[in-house]
Amino acid sequence: MNDQPAQAAHAPRRTIEKDQPDPAGSLLLARIAAGDREAFGAFYERHLAHGFNLARHLTRDRAGADEVVQEAMLRVWKYARTFRPEGSVEGWFLRIVAREGANWRQAGLRRARMDASREASPPEELCGDP
């Protein structure tokens, strides 16, 4: 009989403290700021799932969550140089996702108001010239 405990179906996830500095993450962002595409790929792989889960929660829409995460990742590429190493990389990224989620919702509200006003307006052919 084997005395070793059974292996879990999944490897344990590495937890990232959202309020603690992350030296490895800070180095990754410094490399991204320098234009390192491999570092960006590593960042993407490391943070995609958590960012998508937050975006999905905020948008309640899979396609919307995809848009939000795409925009957030573009912001990471563009603004990696603004990250302060004493902060948490995960927290920084999730704040970007949250802002993008809010922007997505606002854009949806604007679209809904515009659609509603179009439906409330009579067709142009009925308006005629005064």
N, C-alpha and C. Protein backbone atom coordinates (compact mmCIF):
# COMPACT_ATOMS: atom_id res chain seq x y z
N MET A 1 0.83 -1.18 0.00
CA MET A 1 0.00 0.00 0.00
C MET A 1 0.87 1.24 0.00
N ASN A 2 0.49 2.27 -0.72
CA ASN A 2 1.25 3.51 -0.84
C ASN A 2 0.92 4.43 0.33
N ASP A 3 1.95 4.84 1.09
CA ASP A 3 1.75 5.72 2.25
C ASP A 3 1.70 7.19 1.89
N GLN A 4 1.92 7.52 0.65
CA GLN A 4 1.92 8.92 0.23
C GLN A 4 0.50 9.41 0.02
N PRO A 5 0.23 10.70 0.37
CA PRO A 5 -1.13 11.22 0.14
C PRO A 5 -1.42 11.29 -1.35
N ALA A 6 -2.69 11.14 -1.68
CA ALA A 6 -3.11 11.21 -3.08
C ALA A 6 -2.83 12.60 -3.64
N GLN A 7 -2.42 12.65 -4.89
CA GLN A 7 -2.16 13.93 -5.55
C GLN A 7 -3.47 14.63 -5.85
N ALA A 8 -3.50 15.92 -5.64
CA ALA A 8 -4.69 16.70 -5.98
C ALA A 8 -4.84 16.74 -7.50
N ALA A 9 -6.06 16.89 -7.95
CA ALA A 9 -6.33 16.95 -9.38
C ALA A 9 -5.68 18.17 -10.02
N HIS A 10 -5.49 19.22 -9.25
CA HIS A 10 -4.90 20.46 -9.76
C HIS A 10 -3.67 20.80 -8.94
N ALA A 11 -2.71 21.40 -9.60
CA ALA A 11 -1.56 21.90 -8.87
C ALA A 11 -2.00 23.09 -8.03
N PRO A 12 -1.44 23.27 -6.84
CA PRO A 12 -1.86 24.41 -6.03
C PRO A 12 -1.52 25.71 -6.73
N ARG A 13 -2.46 26.65 -6.67
CA ARG A 13 -2.24 27.95 -7.29
C ARG A 13 -1.33 28.78 -6.42
N ARG A 14 -0.47 29.53 -7.07
CA ARG A 14 0.36 30.47 -6.34
C ARG A 14 -0.50 31.68 -6.05
N THR A 15 -0.63 32.02 -4.79
CA THR A 15 -1.46 33.17 -4.45
C THR A 15 -0.61 34.43 -4.54
N ILE A 16 -1.23 35.47 -4.99
CA ILE A 16 -0.57 36.76 -5.12
C ILE A 16 -1.28 37.71 -4.17
N GLU A 17 -0.55 38.21 -3.23
CA GLU A 17 -1.14 39.15 -2.28
C GLU A 17 -1.39 40.47 -2.98
N LYS A 18 -2.63 40.94 -2.91
CA LYS A 18 -3.00 42.16 -3.61
C LYS A 18 -2.48 43.41 -2.95
N ASP A 19 -2.08 43.32 -1.69
CA ASP A 19 -1.61 44.51 -1.00
C ASP A 19 -0.13 44.46 -0.66
N GLN A 20 0.56 43.46 -1.17
CA GLN A 20 1.98 43.30 -0.87
C GLN A 20 2.82 43.55 -2.12
N PRO A 21 3.99 44.16 -1.94
CA PRO A 21 4.88 44.33 -3.09
C PRO A 21 5.23 42.97 -3.70
N ASP A 22 5.41 42.96 -4.98
CA ASP A 22 5.70 41.74 -5.73
C ASP A 22 6.95 41.99 -6.56
N PRO A 23 8.15 41.68 -6.01
CA PRO A 23 9.39 41.99 -6.74
C PRO A 23 9.45 41.37 -8.13
N ALA A 24 9.01 40.13 -8.26
CA ALA A 24 9.05 39.49 -9.58
C ALA A 24 8.10 40.20 -10.54
N GLY A 25 6.92 40.57 -10.07
CA GLY A 25 5.97 41.29 -10.90
C GLY A 25 6.47 42.67 -11.26
N SER A 26 7.14 43.33 -10.32
CA SER A 26 7.70 44.65 -10.59
C SER A 26 8.77 44.58 -11.67
N LEU A 27 9.60 43.54 -11.60
CA LEU A 27 10.63 43.35 -12.62
C LEU A 27 9.99 43.08 -13.98
N LEU A 28 8.93 42.30 -13.99
CA LEU A 28 8.20 42.02 -15.23
C LEU A 28 7.67 43.31 -15.83
N LEU A 29 7.08 44.18 -15.00
CA LEU A 29 6.56 45.46 -15.51
C LEU A 29 7.68 46.37 -15.99
N ALA A 30 8.82 46.33 -15.33
CA ALA A 30 9.97 47.13 -15.79
C ALA A 30 10.41 46.65 -17.18
N ARG A 31 10.41 45.34 -17.38
CA ARG A 31 10.76 44.79 -18.70
C ARG A 31 9.71 45.17 -19.74
N ILE A 32 8.44 45.15 -19.36
CA ILE A 32 7.37 45.54 -20.29
C ILE A 32 7.55 47.01 -20.67
N ALA A 33 7.85 47.84 -19.69
CA ALA A 33 8.06 49.27 -19.94
C ALA A 33 9.20 49.50 -20.93
N ALA A 34 10.16 48.59 -20.94
CA ALA A 34 11.28 48.68 -21.88
C ALA A 34 10.94 48.07 -23.24
N GLY A 35 9.69 47.59 -23.42
CA GLY A 35 9.28 47.05 -24.71
C GLY A 35 9.47 45.56 -24.88
N ASP A 36 9.70 44.83 -23.80
CA ASP A 36 9.95 43.39 -23.86
C ASP A 36 8.63 42.63 -24.05
N ARG A 37 8.44 42.10 -25.26
CA ARG A 37 7.19 41.39 -25.58
C ARG A 37 7.08 40.05 -24.85
N GLU A 38 8.20 39.40 -24.61
CA GLU A 38 8.16 38.14 -23.86
C GLU A 38 7.68 38.39 -22.43
N ALA A 39 8.13 39.48 -21.84
CA ALA A 39 7.70 39.83 -20.49
C ALA A 39 6.20 40.12 -20.49
N PHE A 40 5.73 40.78 -21.55
CA PHE A 40 4.30 41.05 -21.64
C PHE A 40 3.51 39.75 -21.75
N GLY A 41 4.01 38.81 -22.53
CA GLY A 41 3.37 37.49 -22.63
C GLY A 41 3.31 36.79 -21.28
N ALA A 42 4.38 36.89 -20.53
CA ALA A 42 4.40 36.27 -19.19
C ALA A 42 3.40 36.97 -18.26
N PHE A 43 3.33 38.29 -18.34
CA PHE A 43 2.36 39.04 -17.54
C PHE A 43 0.95 38.61 -17.91
N TYR A 44 0.69 38.52 -19.19
CA TYR A 44 -0.63 38.12 -19.70
C TYR A 44 -1.03 36.75 -19.13
N GLU A 45 -0.13 35.80 -19.25
CA GLU A 45 -0.41 34.45 -18.75
C GLU A 45 -0.64 34.45 -17.24
N ARG A 46 0.12 35.23 -16.54
CA ARG A 46 0.06 35.26 -15.07
C ARG A 46 -1.23 35.91 -14.56
N HIS A 47 -1.73 36.93 -15.25
CA HIS A 47 -2.84 37.73 -14.72
C HIS A 47 -4.16 37.61 -15.49
N LEU A 48 -4.17 36.92 -16.61
CA LEU A 48 -5.36 36.86 -17.44
C LEU A 48 -6.57 36.31 -16.70
N ALA A 49 -6.44 35.17 -16.04
CA ALA A 49 -7.59 34.52 -15.41
C ALA A 49 -8.23 35.41 -14.34
N HIS A 50 -7.41 35.97 -13.48
CA HIS A 50 -7.95 36.81 -12.41
C HIS A 50 -8.59 38.07 -12.98
N GLY A 51 -7.95 38.68 -13.96
CA GLY A 51 -8.52 39.86 -14.61
C GLY A 51 -9.83 39.54 -15.32
N PHE A 52 -9.88 38.39 -15.99
CA PHE A 52 -11.11 38.01 -16.69
C PHE A 52 -12.24 37.75 -15.70
N ASN A 53 -11.93 37.10 -14.58
CA ASN A 53 -12.97 36.83 -13.58
C ASN A 53 -13.56 38.13 -13.05
N LEU A 54 -12.72 39.11 -12.77
CA LEU A 54 -13.22 40.40 -12.30
C LEU A 54 -14.04 41.08 -13.39
N ALA A 55 -13.54 41.07 -14.61
CA ALA A 55 -14.26 41.70 -15.72
C ALA A 55 -15.60 41.03 -15.96
N ARG A 56 -15.64 39.73 -15.85
CA ARG A 56 -16.90 39.00 -16.05
C ARG A 56 -17.89 39.37 -14.96
N HIS A 57 -17.40 39.51 -13.73
CA HIS A 57 -18.26 39.93 -12.63
C HIS A 57 -18.81 41.34 -12.86
N LEU A 58 -17.97 42.23 -13.35
CA LEU A 58 -18.38 43.62 -13.56
C LEU A 58 -19.34 43.77 -14.74
N THR A 59 -19.09 43.04 -15.80
CA THR A 59 -19.90 43.21 -17.02
C THR A 59 -21.08 42.25 -17.08
N ARG A 60 -20.96 41.12 -16.41
CA ARG A 60 -21.96 40.06 -16.48
C ARG A 60 -22.19 39.62 -17.94
N ASP A 61 -21.11 39.71 -18.71
CA ASP A 61 -21.19 39.43 -20.14
C ASP A 61 -19.83 38.92 -20.60
N ARG A 62 -19.79 37.74 -21.20
CA ARG A 62 -18.50 37.16 -21.61
C ARG A 62 -17.79 38.03 -22.66
N ALA A 63 -18.53 38.46 -23.67
CA ALA A 63 -17.91 39.30 -24.70
C ALA A 63 -17.45 40.63 -24.10
N GLY A 64 -18.25 41.18 -23.21
CA GLY A 64 -17.86 42.42 -22.54
C GLY A 64 -16.61 42.23 -21.70
N ALA A 65 -16.53 41.10 -21.01
CA ALA A 65 -15.35 40.80 -20.20
C ALA A 65 -14.11 40.68 -21.09
N ASP A 66 -14.26 40.04 -22.25
CA ASP A 66 -13.14 39.95 -23.20
C ASP A 66 -12.66 41.34 -23.60
N GLU A 67 -13.61 42.22 -23.92
CA GLU A 67 -13.26 43.60 -24.31
C GLU A 67 -12.54 44.32 -23.18
N VAL A 68 -13.07 44.19 -21.97
CA VAL A 68 -12.49 44.87 -20.81
C VAL A 68 -11.06 44.40 -20.57
N VAL A 69 -10.85 43.09 -20.59
CA VAL A 69 -9.50 42.56 -20.35
C VAL A 69 -8.55 42.97 -21.47
N GLN A 70 -9.02 42.98 -22.71
CA GLN A 70 -8.17 43.41 -23.82
C GLN A 70 -7.73 44.85 -23.62
N GLU A 71 -8.67 45.71 -23.27
CA GLU A 71 -8.32 47.12 -23.03
C GLU A 71 -7.38 47.26 -21.84
N ALA A 72 -7.63 46.48 -20.79
CA ALA A 72 -6.76 46.54 -19.61
C ALA A 72 -5.34 46.10 -19.97
N MET A 73 -5.21 45.05 -20.76
CA MET A 73 -3.88 44.58 -21.16
C MET A 73 -3.18 45.62 -22.04
N LEU A 74 -3.92 46.28 -22.91
CA LEU A 74 -3.32 47.35 -23.71
C LEU A 74 -2.80 48.47 -22.81
N ARG A 75 -3.56 48.77 -21.76
CA ARG A 75 -3.11 49.81 -20.82
C ARG A 75 -1.87 49.37 -20.06
N VAL A 76 -1.78 48.09 -19.74
CA VAL A 76 -0.56 47.58 -19.09
C VAL A 76 0.63 47.82 -20.00
N TRP A 77 0.50 47.47 -21.28
CA TRP A 77 1.60 47.67 -22.23
C TRP A 77 1.99 49.14 -22.31
N LYS A 78 0.97 49.99 -22.39
CA LYS A 78 1.22 51.42 -22.58
C LYS A 78 1.72 52.13 -21.31
N TYR A 79 1.23 51.71 -20.15
CA TYR A 79 1.51 52.45 -18.91
C TYR A 79 2.33 51.67 -17.88
N ALA A 80 2.99 50.60 -18.29
CA ALA A 80 3.80 49.82 -17.34
C ALA A 80 4.81 50.69 -16.61
N ARG A 81 5.32 51.72 -17.28
CA ARG A 81 6.32 52.59 -16.66
C ARG A 81 5.76 53.38 -15.47
N THR A 82 4.43 53.48 -15.36
CA THR A 82 3.84 54.27 -14.26
C THR A 82 3.67 53.46 -12.98
N PHE A 83 3.90 52.14 -13.05
CA PHE A 83 3.75 51.31 -11.85
C PHE A 83 4.82 51.67 -10.83
N ARG A 84 4.42 51.79 -9.56
CA ARG A 84 5.37 52.06 -8.48
C ARG A 84 5.67 50.75 -7.76
N PRO A 85 6.94 50.34 -7.70
CA PRO A 85 7.32 49.04 -7.17
C PRO A 85 6.90 48.77 -5.72
N GLU A 86 6.62 49.80 -4.94
CA GLU A 86 6.20 49.54 -3.57
C GLU A 86 4.76 49.04 -3.49
N GLY A 87 4.07 49.07 -4.61
CA GLY A 87 2.68 48.59 -4.66
C GLY A 87 2.60 47.17 -5.15
N SER A 88 1.38 46.67 -5.19
CA SER A 88 1.12 45.31 -5.64
C SER A 88 0.82 45.32 -7.15
N VAL A 89 1.49 44.48 -7.88
CA VAL A 89 1.26 44.36 -9.33
C VAL A 89 -0.17 43.88 -9.57
N GLU A 90 -0.59 42.87 -8.82
CA GLU A 90 -1.94 42.34 -8.99
C GLU A 90 -2.99 43.42 -8.69
N GLY A 91 -2.79 44.15 -7.60
CA GLY A 91 -3.73 45.21 -7.26
C GLY A 91 -3.77 46.30 -8.33
N TRP A 92 -2.61 46.66 -8.86
CA TRP A 92 -2.51 47.68 -9.92
C TRP A 92 -3.29 47.22 -11.15
N PHE A 93 -3.06 45.96 -11.54
CA PHE A 93 -3.75 45.44 -12.72
C PHE A 93 -5.26 45.36 -12.49
N LEU A 94 -5.68 44.90 -11.33
CA LEU A 94 -7.12 44.77 -11.08
C LEU A 94 -7.80 46.14 -11.01
N ARG A 95 -7.10 47.16 -10.58
CA ARG A 95 -7.67 48.51 -10.61
C ARG A 95 -7.86 48.96 -12.06
N ILE A 96 -6.93 48.62 -12.93
CA ILE A 96 -7.08 48.93 -14.35
C ILE A 96 -8.31 48.20 -14.90
N VAL A 97 -8.44 46.92 -14.58
CA VAL A 97 -9.60 46.14 -15.04
C VAL A 97 -10.89 46.77 -14.53
N ALA A 98 -10.91 47.17 -13.26
CA ALA A 98 -12.12 47.77 -12.67
C ALA A 98 -12.48 49.07 -13.39
N ARG A 99 -11.47 49.90 -13.69
CA ARG A 99 -11.76 51.16 -14.42
C ARG A 99 -12.29 50.86 -15.81
N GLU A 100 -11.68 49.90 -16.49
CA GLU A 100 -12.15 49.54 -17.82
C GLU A 100 -13.56 48.95 -17.77
N GLY A 101 -13.85 48.20 -16.73
CA GLY A 101 -15.20 47.66 -16.56
C GLY A 101 -16.22 48.78 -16.37
N ALA A 102 -15.85 49.78 -15.59
CA ALA A 102 -16.74 50.94 -15.39
C ALA A 102 -16.92 51.69 -16.71
N ASN A 103 -15.85 51.85 -17.46
CA ASN A 103 -15.95 52.52 -18.77
C ASN A 103 -16.87 51.73 -19.71
N TRP A 104 -16.75 50.42 -19.69
CA TRP A 104 -17.58 49.56 -20.54
C TRP A 104 -19.06 49.72 -20.18
N ARG A 105 -19.35 49.72 -18.88
CA ARG A 105 -20.74 49.88 -18.45
C ARG A 105 -21.28 51.25 -18.85
N GLN A 106 -20.47 52.30 -18.67
CA GLN A 106 -20.90 53.66 -19.04
C GLN A 106 -21.18 53.74 -20.54
N ALA A 107 -20.31 53.14 -21.33
CA ALA A 107 -20.53 53.15 -22.78
C ALA A 107 -21.82 52.41 -23.12
N GLY A 108 -22.12 51.33 -22.43
CA GLY A 108 -23.35 50.60 -22.65
C GLY A 108 -24.57 51.42 -22.28
N LEU A 109 -24.48 52.18 -21.19
CA LEU A 109 -25.59 53.05 -20.79
C LEU A 109 -25.83 54.14 -21.82
N ARG A 110 -24.73 54.71 -22.34
CA ARG A 110 -24.86 55.74 -23.37
C ARG A 110 -25.52 55.17 -24.62
N ARG A 111 -25.09 53.97 -25.02
CA ARG A 111 -25.69 53.33 -26.20
C ARG A 111 -27.17 53.06 -25.96
N ALA A 112 -27.52 52.62 -24.78
CA ALA A 112 -28.93 52.33 -24.47
C ALA A 112 -29.76 53.61 -24.50
N ARG A 113 -29.22 54.71 -23.97
CA ARG A 113 -29.96 55.98 -24.00
C ARG A 113 -30.12 56.47 -25.42
N MET A 114 -29.08 56.34 -26.24
CA MET A 114 -29.18 56.77 -27.64
C MET A 114 -30.21 55.92 -28.38
N ASP A 115 -30.20 54.62 -28.15
CA ASP A 115 -31.18 53.73 -28.79
C ASP A 115 -32.60 54.10 -28.36
N ALA A 116 -32.77 54.39 -27.08
CA ALA A 116 -34.10 54.75 -26.58
C ALA A 116 -34.58 56.06 -27.17
N SER A 117 -33.66 57.03 -27.33
CA SER A 117 -34.08 58.31 -27.90
C SER A 117 -34.40 58.17 -29.39
N ARG A 118 -33.71 57.28 -30.08
CA ARG A 118 -34.02 57.03 -31.50
C ARG A 118 -35.40 56.40 -31.62
N GLU A 119 -35.72 55.49 -30.72
CA GLU A 119 -37.03 54.83 -30.76
C GLU A 119 -38.15 55.80 -30.42
N ALA A 120 -37.86 56.79 -29.56
CA ALA A 120 -38.88 57.74 -29.14
C ALA A 120 -39.11 58.83 -30.19
N SER A 121 -38.14 59.07 -31.06
CA SER A 121 -38.26 60.10 -32.08
C SER A 121 -39.04 59.58 -33.27
N PRO A 122 -39.92 60.41 -33.84
CA PRO A 122 -40.65 59.97 -35.04
C PRO A 122 -39.68 59.87 -36.22
N PRO A 123 -39.95 58.99 -37.14
CA PRO A 123 -39.10 58.87 -38.33
C PRO A 123 -39.03 60.22 -39.06
N GLU A 124 -37.91 60.49 -39.71
CA GLU A 124 -37.69 61.75 -40.39
C GLU A 124 -38.77 62.01 -41.45
N GLU A 125 -39.22 60.97 -42.16
CA GLU A 125 -40.20 61.18 -43.22
C GLU A 125 -41.55 61.65 -42.66
N LEU A 126 -41.80 61.46 -41.38
CA LEU A 126 -43.03 61.93 -40.77
C LEU A 126 -42.93 63.37 -40.25
N CYS A 127 -41.70 63.83 -40.09
CA CYS A 127 -41.50 65.18 -39.52
C CYS A 127 -41.85 66.26 -40.55
N GLY A 128 -41.46 66.08 -41.77
CA GLY A 128 -41.75 67.07 -42.81
C GLY A 128 -41.12 68.42 -42.53
N ASP A 129 -41.18 69.31 -43.50
CA ASP A 129 -40.64 70.67 -43.33
C ASP A 129 -41.72 71.54 -42.69
N PRO A 130 -41.35 72.38 -41.72
CA PRO A 130 -42.35 73.27 -41.11
C PRO A 130 -42.79 74.36 -42.03
